[in-house]
Amino acid sequence: MPPEPKSGTPGRTRWHLDHEPIFRPEDPRFGARFDGVADDSAAINAAGMAAEAAGGGVVEFPRGSTRAQGIVLRNKVRFRGQGVW
């Protein structure tokens, strides 16, 4: 296994996220339902775009089920769930 890259190695640095803002797709401005029936793709992507526009952050999912496809991963944006995946 190769050694862990040192901080500052081009293309392999870590962006430290201590105090990043949290974006919740179920917020009314995004509109996800997380009921396991509705397709929440647009709301999840909208939350991701808002996080990226803010300079980074976390898109946080509540407990429950969702249907989604075509989720776009964005720069300096993490996805985190509160339940079991």
PDB file of N, CA and C in Angstrom:
ATOM      1  N   MET A   1       0.841  -1.169   0.000  1.00  0.00           N
ATOM      2  CA  MET A   1       0.000   0.000   0.000  1.00  0.00           C
ATOM      3  C   MET A   1       0.895   1.245   0.000  1.00  0.00           C
ATOM      4  N   PRO A   2       0.622   2.232  -0.885  1.00  0.00           N
ATOM      5  CA  PRO A   2       1.473   3.418  -0.938  1.00  0.00           C
ATOM      6  C   PRO A   2       1.320   4.261   0.320  1.00  0.00           C
ATOM      7  N   PRO A   3       2.366   5.008   0.675  1.00  0.00           N
ATOM      8  CA  PRO A   3       2.278   5.855   1.868  1.00  0.00           C
ATOM      9  C   PRO A   3       1.249   6.963   1.685  1.00  0.00           C
ATOM     10  N   GLU A   4       0.693   7.420   2.789  1.00  0.00           N
ATOM     11  CA  GLU A   4      -0.286   8.515   2.780  1.00  0.00           C
ATOM     12  C   GLU A   4       0.405   9.791   2.288  1.00  0.00           C
ATOM     13  N   PRO A   5      -0.198  10.521   1.335  1.00  0.00           N
ATOM     14  CA  PRO A   5       0.436  11.742   0.831  1.00  0.00           C
ATOM     15  C   PRO A   5       0.535  12.802   1.921  1.00  0.00           C
ATOM     16  N   LYS A   6       1.587  13.576   1.854  1.00  0.00           N
ATOM     17  CA  LYS A   6       1.768  14.663   2.808  1.00  0.00           C
ATOM     18  C   LYS A   6       0.857  15.817   2.431  1.00  0.00           C
ATOM     19  N   SER A   7       0.491  16.601   3.427  1.00  0.00           N
ATOM     20  CA  SER A   7      -0.323  17.780   3.168  1.00  0.00           C
ATOM     21  C   SER A   7       0.414  18.679   2.193  1.00  0.00           C
ATOM     22  N   GLY A   8      -0.276  19.180   1.219  1.00  0.00           N
ATOM     23  CA  GLY A   8       0.342  20.057   0.238  1.00  0.00           C
ATOM     24  C   GLY A   8       0.739  19.344  -1.043  1.00  0.00           C
ATOM     25  N   THR A   9       0.603  18.018  -1.086  1.00  0.00           N
ATOM     26  CA  THR A   9       0.904  17.280  -2.301  1.00  0.00           C
ATOM     27  C   THR A   9      -0.119  17.665  -3.362  1.00  0.00           C
ATOM     28  N   PRO A  10       0.333  18.159  -4.533  1.00  0.00           N
ATOM     29  CA  PRO A  10      -0.619  18.599  -5.563  1.00  0.00           C
ATOM     30  C   PRO A  10      -1.639  17.525  -5.911  1.00  0.00           C
ATOM     31  N   GLY A  11      -2.897  17.912  -5.900  1.00  0.00           N
ATOM     32  CA  GLY A  11      -3.978  17.013  -6.271  1.00  0.00           C
ATOM     33  C   GLY A  11      -4.391  16.034  -5.187  1.00  0.00           C
ATOM     34  N   ARG A  12      -3.719  16.024  -4.057  1.00  0.00           N
ATOM     35  CA  ARG A  12      -4.035  15.042  -3.029  1.00  0.00           C
ATOM     36  C   ARG A  12      -4.243  15.693  -1.654  1.00  0.00           C
ATOM     37  N   THR A  13      -4.401  16.993  -1.610  1.00  0.00           N
ATOM     38  CA  THR A  13      -4.572  17.649  -0.316  1.00  0.00           C
ATOM     39  C   THR A  13      -5.969  17.447   0.207  1.00  0.00           C
ATOM     40  N   ARG A  14      -6.129  17.553   1.495  1.00  0.00           N
ATOM     41  CA  ARG A  14      -7.448  17.430   2.119  1.00  0.00           C
ATOM     42  C   ARG A  14      -7.961  18.815   2.457  1.00  0.00           C
ATOM     43  N   TRP A  15      -9.232  19.015   2.230  1.00  0.00           N
ATOM     44  CA  TRP A  15      -9.858  20.280   2.595  1.00  0.00           C
ATOM     45  C   TRP A  15     -10.506  20.072   3.945  1.00  0.00           C
ATOM     46  N   HIS A  16     -10.012  20.760   4.959  1.00  0.00           N
ATOM     47  CA  HIS A  16     -10.486  20.559   6.319  1.00  0.00           C
ATOM     48  C   HIS A  16     -11.822  21.262   6.529  1.00  0.00           C
ATOM     49  N   LEU A  17     -12.841  20.521   6.965  1.00  0.00           N
ATOM     50  CA  LEU A  17     -14.197  21.045   7.077  1.00  0.00           C
ATOM     51  C   LEU A  17     -14.645  21.063   8.531  1.00  0.00           C
ATOM     52  N   ASP A  18     -14.171  22.026   9.303  1.00  0.00           N
ATOM     53  CA  ASP A  18     -14.555  22.100  10.708  1.00  0.00           C
ATOM     54  C   ASP A  18     -15.880  22.813  10.929  1.00  0.00           C
ATOM     55  N   HIS A  19     -16.080  23.907  10.240  1.00  0.00           N
ATOM     56  CA  HIS A  19     -17.242  24.755  10.514  1.00  0.00           C
ATOM     57  C   HIS A  19     -18.029  25.035   9.238  1.00  0.00           C
ATOM     58  N   GLU A  20     -18.220  24.019   8.441  1.00  0.00           N
ATOM     59  CA  GLU A  20     -18.919  24.212   7.182  1.00  0.00           C
ATOM     60  C   GLU A  20     -20.425  24.331   7.410  1.00  0.00           C
ATOM     61  N   PRO A  21     -21.109  25.088   6.569  1.00  0.00           N
ATOM     62  CA  PRO A  21     -22.563  25.189   6.688  1.00  0.00           C
ATOM     63  C   PRO A  21     -23.238  23.883   6.276  1.00  0.00           C
ATOM     64  N   ILE A  22     -24.430  23.665   6.822  1.00  0.00           N
ATOM     65  CA  ILE A  22     -25.200  22.454   6.530  1.00  0.00           C
ATOM     66  C   ILE A  22     -26.413  22.834   5.685  1.00  0.00           C
ATOM     67  N   PHE A  23     -26.633  22.089   4.630  1.00  0.00           N
ATOM     68  CA  PHE A  23     -27.762  22.299   3.727  1.00  0.00           C
ATOM     69  C   PHE A  23     -28.623  21.045   3.770  1.00  0.00           C
ATOM     70  N   ARG A  24     -29.887  21.221   4.100  1.00  0.00           N
ATOM     71  CA  ARG A  24     -30.811  20.087   4.227  1.00  0.00           C
ATOM     72  C   ARG A  24     -31.800  20.100   3.054  1.00  0.00           C
ATOM     73  N   PRO A  25     -31.786  19.062   2.219  1.00  0.00           N
ATOM     74  CA  PRO A  25     -32.671  19.027   1.052  1.00  0.00           C
ATOM     75  C   PRO A  25     -34.156  19.121   1.399  1.00  0.00           C
ATOM     76  N   GLU A  26     -34.548  18.739   2.628  1.00  0.00           N
ATOM     77  CA  GLU A  26     -35.968  18.817   2.999  1.00  0.00           C
ATOM     78  C   GLU A  26     -36.393  20.235   3.380  1.00  0.00           C
ATOM     79  N   ASP A  27     -35.449  21.166   3.436  1.00  0.00           N
ATOM     80  CA  ASP A  27     -35.760  22.578   3.673  1.00  0.00           C
ATOM     81  C   ASP A  27     -36.738  23.034   2.585  1.00  0.00           C
ATOM     82  N   PRO A  28     -37.739  23.858   2.915  1.00  0.00           N
ATOM     83  CA  PRO A  28     -38.735  24.278   1.921  1.00  0.00           C
ATOM     84  C   PRO A  28     -38.151  24.907   0.649  1.00  0.00           C
ATOM     85  N   ARG A  29     -36.990  25.536   0.747  1.00  0.00           N
ATOM     86  CA  ARG A  29     -36.417  26.145  -0.471  1.00  0.00           C
ATOM     87  C   ARG A  29     -35.923  25.091  -1.459  1.00  0.00           C
ATOM     88  N   PHE A  30     -35.687  23.847  -0.982  1.00  0.00           N
ATOM     89  CA  PHE A  30     -35.262  22.763  -1.873  1.00  0.00           C
ATOM     90  C   PHE A  30     -36.402  21.788  -2.147  1.00  0.00           C
ATOM     91  N   GLY A  31     -37.184  21.446  -1.135  1.00  0.00           N
ATOM     92  CA  GLY A  31     -38.419  20.694  -1.324  1.00  0.00           C
ATOM     93  C   GLY A  31     -38.367  19.175  -1.335  1.00  0.00           C
ATOM     94  N   ALA A  32     -37.312  18.547  -0.848  1.00  0.00           N
ATOM     95  CA  ALA A  32     -37.287  17.077  -0.801  1.00  0.00           C
ATOM     96  C   ALA A  32     -38.287  16.573   0.233  1.00  0.00           C
ATOM     97  N   ARG A  33     -38.855  15.386  -0.022  1.00  0.00           N
ATOM     98  CA  ARG A  33     -39.847  14.808   0.891  1.00  0.00           C
ATOM     99  C   ARG A  33     -39.302  13.638   1.708  1.00  0.00           C
ATOM    100  N   PHE A  34     -38.342  12.907   1.175  1.00  0.00           N
ATOM    101  CA  PHE A  34     -37.769  11.747   1.854  1.00  0.00           C
ATOM    102  C   PHE A  34     -38.846  10.793   2.354  1.00  0.00           C
ATOM    103  N   ASP A  35     -39.812  10.514   1.482  1.00  0.00           N
ATOM    104  CA  ASP A  35     -40.889   9.591   1.838  1.00  0.00           C
ATOM    105  C   ASP A  35     -40.725   8.226   1.167  1.00  0.00           C
ATOM    106  N   GLY A  36     -39.675   8.075   0.373  1.00  0.00           N
ATOM    107  CA  GLY A  36     -39.440   6.814  -0.324  1.00  0.00           C
ATOM    108  C   GLY A  36     -40.243   6.649  -1.587  1.00  0.00           C
ATOM    109  N   VAL A  37     -41.120   7.613  -1.893  1.00  0.00           N
ATOM    110  CA  VAL A  37     -41.962   7.542  -3.082  1.00  0.00           C
ATOM    111  C   VAL A  37     -41.572   8.623  -4.084  1.00  0.00           C
ATOM    112  N   ALA A  38     -41.514   9.854  -3.637  1.00  0.00           N
ATOM    113  CA  ALA A  38     -41.186  10.984  -4.513  1.00  0.00           C
ATOM    114  C   ALA A  38     -39.719  10.940  -4.919  1.00  0.00           C
ATOM    115  N   ASP A  39     -39.427  11.405  -6.125  1.00  0.00           N
ATOM    116  CA  ASP A  39     -38.049  11.505  -6.603  1.00  0.00           C
ATOM    117  C   ASP A  39     -37.459  12.808  -6.070  1.00  0.00           C
ATOM    118  N   ASP A  40     -36.490  12.696  -5.180  1.00  0.00           N
ATOM    119  CA  ASP A  40     -35.890  13.860  -4.531  1.00  0.00           C
ATOM    120  C   ASP A  40     -34.615  14.348  -5.219  1.00  0.00           C
ATOM    121  N   SER A  41     -34.343  13.867  -6.413  1.00  0.00           N
ATOM    122  CA  SER A  41     -33.106  14.207  -7.117  1.00  0.00           C
ATOM    123  C   SER A  41     -32.905  15.711  -7.277  1.00  0.00           C
ATOM    124  N   ALA A  42     -33.929  16.417  -7.751  1.00  0.00           N
ATOM    125  CA  ALA A  42     -33.791  17.860  -8.000  1.00  0.00           C
ATOM    126  C   ALA A  42     -33.492  18.617  -6.714  1.00  0.00           C
ATOM    127  N   ALA A  43     -34.156  18.244  -5.622  1.00  0.00           N
ATOM    128  CA  ALA A  43     -33.936  18.927  -4.344  1.00  0.00           C
ATOM    129  C   ALA A  43     -32.535  18.656  -3.804  1.00  0.00           C
ATOM    130  N   ILE A  44     -32.062  17.426  -3.938  1.00  0.00           N
ATOM    131  CA  ILE A  44     -30.719  17.081  -3.466  1.00  0.00           C
ATOM    132  C   ILE A  44     -29.669  17.828  -4.282  1.00  0.00           C
ATOM    133  N   ASN A  45     -29.855  17.866  -5.604  1.00  0.00           N
ATOM    134  CA  ASN A  45     -28.918  18.613  -6.450  1.00  0.00           C
ATOM    135  C   ASN A  45     -28.968  20.108  -6.161  1.00  0.00           C
ATOM    136  N   ALA A  46     -30.154  20.649  -5.872  1.00  0.00           N
ATOM    137  CA  ALA A  46     -30.264  22.073  -5.541  1.00  0.00           C
ATOM    138  C   ALA A  46     -29.535  22.396  -4.233  1.00  0.00           C
ATOM    139  N   ALA A  47     -29.639  21.511  -3.256  1.00  0.00           N
ATOM    140  CA  ALA A  47     -28.920  21.711  -1.998  1.00  0.00           C
ATOM    141  C   ALA A  47     -27.413  21.648  -2.238  1.00  0.00           C
ATOM    142  N   GLY A  48     -26.976  20.732  -3.094  1.00  0.00           N
ATOM    143  CA  GLY A  48     -25.560  20.644  -3.445  1.00  0.00           C
ATOM    144  C   GLY A  48     -25.055  21.887  -4.154  1.00  0.00           C
ATOM    145  N   MET A  49     -25.861  22.427  -5.068  1.00  0.00           N
ATOM    146  CA  MET A  49     -25.473  23.667  -5.763  1.00  0.00           C
ATOM    147  C   MET A  49     -25.387  24.832  -4.794  1.00  0.00           C
ATOM    148  N   ALA A  50     -26.320  24.909  -3.831  1.00  0.00           N
ATOM    149  CA  ALA A  50     -26.292  25.984  -2.834  1.00  0.00           C
ATOM    150  C   ALA A  50     -25.051  25.872  -1.953  1.00  0.00           C
ATOM    151  N   ALA A  51     -24.690  24.636  -1.590  1.00  0.00           N
ATOM    152  CA  ALA A  51     -23.488  24.436  -0.777  1.00  0.00           C
ATOM    153  C   ALA A  51     -22.240  24.852  -1.552  1.00  0.00           C
ATOM    154  N   GLU A  52     -22.171  24.482  -2.819  1.00  0.00           N
ATOM    155  CA  GLU A  52     -21.017  24.857  -3.638  1.00  0.00           C
ATOM    156  C   GLU A  52     -20.942  26.367  -3.800  1.00  0.00           C
ATOM    157  N   ALA A  53     -22.086  27.013  -4.015  1.00  0.00           N
ATOM    158  CA  ALA A  53     -22.116  28.474  -4.175  1.00  0.00           C
ATOM    159  C   ALA A  53     -21.674  29.192  -2.898  1.00  0.00           C
ATOM    160  N   ALA A  54     -21.877  28.542  -1.751  1.00  0.00           N
ATOM    161  CA  ALA A  54     -21.476  29.125  -0.468  1.00  0.00           C
ATOM    162  C   ALA A  54     -19.990  28.892  -0.180  1.00  0.00           C
ATOM    163  N   GLY A  55     -19.303  28.212  -1.083  1.00  0.00           N
ATOM    164  CA  GLY A  55     -17.891  27.941  -0.876  1.00  0.00           C
ATOM    165  C   GLY A  55     -17.626  26.586  -0.252  1.00  0.00           C
ATOM    166  N   GLY A  56     -18.661  25.779  -0.103  1.00  0.00           N
ATOM    167  CA  GLY A  56     -18.526  24.444   0.459  1.00  0.00           C
ATOM    168  C   GLY A  56     -19.491  24.229   1.599  1.00  0.00           C
ATOM    169  N   GLY A  57     -19.680  22.977   1.968  1.00  0.00           N
ATOM    170  CA  GLY A  57     -20.578  22.645   3.063  1.00  0.00           C
ATOM    171  C   GLY A  57     -20.983  21.195   3.022  1.00  0.00           C
ATOM    172  N   VAL A  58     -21.984  20.884   3.808  1.00  0.00           N
ATOM    173  CA  VAL A  58     -22.478  19.514   3.939  1.00  0.00           C
ATOM    174  C   VAL A  58     -23.939  19.471   3.515  1.00  0.00           C
ATOM    175  N   VAL A  59     -24.286  18.529   2.648  1.00  0.00           N
ATOM    176  CA  VAL A  59     -25.681  18.242   2.341  1.00  0.00           C
ATOM    177  C   VAL A  59     -26.043  17.085   3.270  1.00  0.00           C
ATOM    178  N   GLU A  60     -26.942  17.367   4.204  1.00  0.00           N
ATOM    179  CA  GLU A  60     -27.265  16.398   5.249  1.00  0.00           C
ATOM    180  C   GLU A  60     -28.652  15.805   5.024  1.00  0.00           C
ATOM    181  N   PHE A  61     -28.716  14.475   5.055  1.00  0.00           N
ATOM    182  CA  PHE A  61     -29.961  13.754   4.831  1.00  0.00           C
ATOM    183  C   PHE A  61     -30.577  13.346   6.165  1.00  0.00           C
ATOM    184  N   PRO A  62     -31.900  13.454   6.282  1.00  0.00           N
ATOM    185  CA  PRO A  62     -32.558  12.995   7.507  1.00  0.00           C
ATOM    186  C   PRO A  62     -32.734  11.473   7.468  1.00  0.00           C
ATOM    187  N   ARG A  63     -33.188  10.915   8.575  1.00  0.00           N
ATOM    188  CA  ARG A  63     -33.553   9.500   8.581  1.00  0.00           C
ATOM    189  C   ARG A  63     -34.728   9.319   7.633  1.00  0.00           C
ATOM    190  N   GLY A  64     -34.781   8.191   7.011  1.00  0.00           N
ATOM    191  CA  GLY A  64     -35.878   7.914   6.102  1.00  0.00           C
ATOM    192  C   GLY A  64     -35.373   7.380   4.784  1.00  0.00           C
ATOM    193  N   SER A  65     -36.263   7.278   3.828  1.00  0.00           N
ATOM    194  CA  SER A  65     -35.937   6.739   2.517  1.00  0.00           C
ATOM    195  C   SER A  65     -36.076   7.821   1.469  1.00  0.00           C
ATOM    196  N   THR A  66     -35.306   7.679   0.418  1.00  0.00           N
ATOM    197  CA  THR A  66     -35.419   8.607  -0.694  1.00  0.00           C
ATOM    198  C   THR A  66     -35.238   7.871  -2.000  1.00  0.00           C
ATOM    199  N   ARG A  67     -35.763   8.457  -3.051  1.00  0.00           N
ATOM    200  CA  ARG A  67     -35.516   7.986  -4.409  1.00  0.00           C
ATOM    201  C   ARG A  67     -34.760   9.104  -5.086  1.00  0.00           C
ATOM    202  N   ALA A  68     -33.625   8.777  -5.644  1.00  0.00           N
ATOM    203  CA  ALA A  68     -32.829   9.796  -6.317  1.00  0.00           C
ATOM    204  C   ALA A  68     -31.930   9.137  -7.351  1.00  0.00           C
ATOM    205  N   GLN A  69     -31.643   9.875  -8.395  1.00  0.00           N
ATOM    206  CA  GLN A  69     -30.712   9.417  -9.426  1.00  0.00           C
ATOM    207  C   GLN A  69     -30.054  10.639 -10.047  1.00  0.00           C
ATOM    208  N   GLY A  70     -28.895  10.458 -10.597  1.00  0.00           N
ATOM    209  CA  GLY A  70     -28.204  11.571 -11.248  1.00  0.00           C
ATOM    210  C   GLY A  70     -27.739  12.640 -10.280  1.00  0.00           C
ATOM    211  N   ILE A  71     -27.323  12.239  -9.083  1.00  0.00           N
ATOM    212  CA  ILE A  71     -26.836  13.211  -8.108  1.00  0.00           C
ATOM    213  C   ILE A  71     -25.446  13.658  -8.541  1.00  0.00           C
ATOM    214  N   VAL A  72     -25.246  14.965  -8.594  1.00  0.00           N
ATOM    215  CA  VAL A  72     -23.981  15.535  -9.045  1.00  0.00           C
ATOM    216  C   VAL A  72     -23.110  15.837  -7.830  1.00  0.00           C
ATOM    217  N   LEU A  73     -21.899  15.273  -7.820  1.00  0.00           N
ATOM    218  CA  LEU A  73     -20.940  15.581  -6.767  1.00  0.00           C
ATOM    219  C   LEU A  73     -20.279  16.911  -7.094  1.00  0.00           C
ATOM    220  N   ARG A  74     -20.149  17.756  -6.093  1.00  0.00           N
ATOM    221  CA  ARG A  74     -19.647  19.109  -6.314  1.00  0.00           C
ATOM    222  C   ARG A  74     -18.411  19.382  -5.471  1.00  0.00           C
ATOM    223  N   ASN A  75     -17.654  20.400  -5.896  1.00  0.00           N
ATOM    224  CA  ASN A  75     -16.429  20.784  -5.195  1.00  0.00           C
ATOM    225  C   ASN A  75     -16.719  21.247  -3.781  1.00  0.00           C
ATOM    226  N   LYS A  76     -15.951  20.730  -2.835  1.00  0.00           N
ATOM    227  CA  LYS A  76     -16.002  21.134  -1.428  1.00  0.00           C
ATOM    228  C   LYS A  76     -17.372  20.899  -0.793  1.00  0.00           C
ATOM    229  N   VAL A  77     -18.091  19.899  -1.286  1.00  0.00           N
ATOM    230  CA  VAL A  77     -19.412  19.559  -0.745  1.00  0.00           C
ATOM    231  C   VAL A  77     -19.384  18.089  -0.333  1.00  0.00           C
ATOM    232  N   ARG A  78     -19.807  17.826   0.897  1.00  0.00           N
ATOM    233  CA  ARG A  78     -19.892  16.453   1.403  1.00  0.00           C
ATOM    234  C   ARG A  78     -21.361  16.086   1.589  1.00  0.00           C
ATOM    235  N   PHE A  79     -21.646  14.800   1.503  1.00  0.00           N
ATOM    236  CA  PHE A  79     -22.983  14.282   1.757  1.00  0.00           C
ATOM    237  C   PHE A  79     -22.910  13.469   3.043  1.00  0.00           C
ATOM    238  N   ARG A  80     -23.891  13.669   3.904  1.00  0.00           N
ATOM    239  CA  ARG A  80     -23.891  12.967   5.199  1.00  0.00           C
ATOM    240  C   ARG A  80     -25.316  12.578   5.534  1.00  0.00           C
ATOM    241  N   GLY A  81     -25.494  11.354   6.031  1.00  0.00           N
ATOM    242  CA  GLY A  81     -26.812  10.879   6.411  1.00  0.00           C
ATOM    243  C   GLY A  81     -26.939  10.726   7.910  1.00  0.00           C
ATOM    244  N   GLN A  82     -28.160  10.845   8.416  1.00  0.00           N
ATOM    245  CA  GLN A  82     -28.410  10.688   9.828  1.00  0.00           C
ATOM    246  C   GLN A  82     -28.892   9.290  10.176  1.00  0.00           C
ATOM    247  N   GLY A  83     -29.181   8.496   9.164  1.00  0.00           N
ATOM    248  CA  GLY A  83     -29.726   7.157   9.427  1.00  0.00           C
ATOM    249  C   GLY A  83     -28.839   6.074   8.871  1.00  0.00           C
ATOM    250  N   VAL A  84     -29.396   4.898   8.774  1.00  0.00           N
ATOM    251  CA  VAL A  84     -28.685   3.755   8.220  1.00  0.00           C
ATOM    252  C   VAL A  84     -28.817   3.807   6.707  1.00  0.00           C
ATOM    253  N   TRP A  85     -27.728   3.558   6.008  1.00  0.00           N
ATOM    254  CA  TRP A  85     -27.755   3.615   4.541  1.00  0.00           C
ATOM    255  C   TRP A  85     -28.103   2.279   3.985  1.00  0.00           C
TER     256      TRP A  85
END
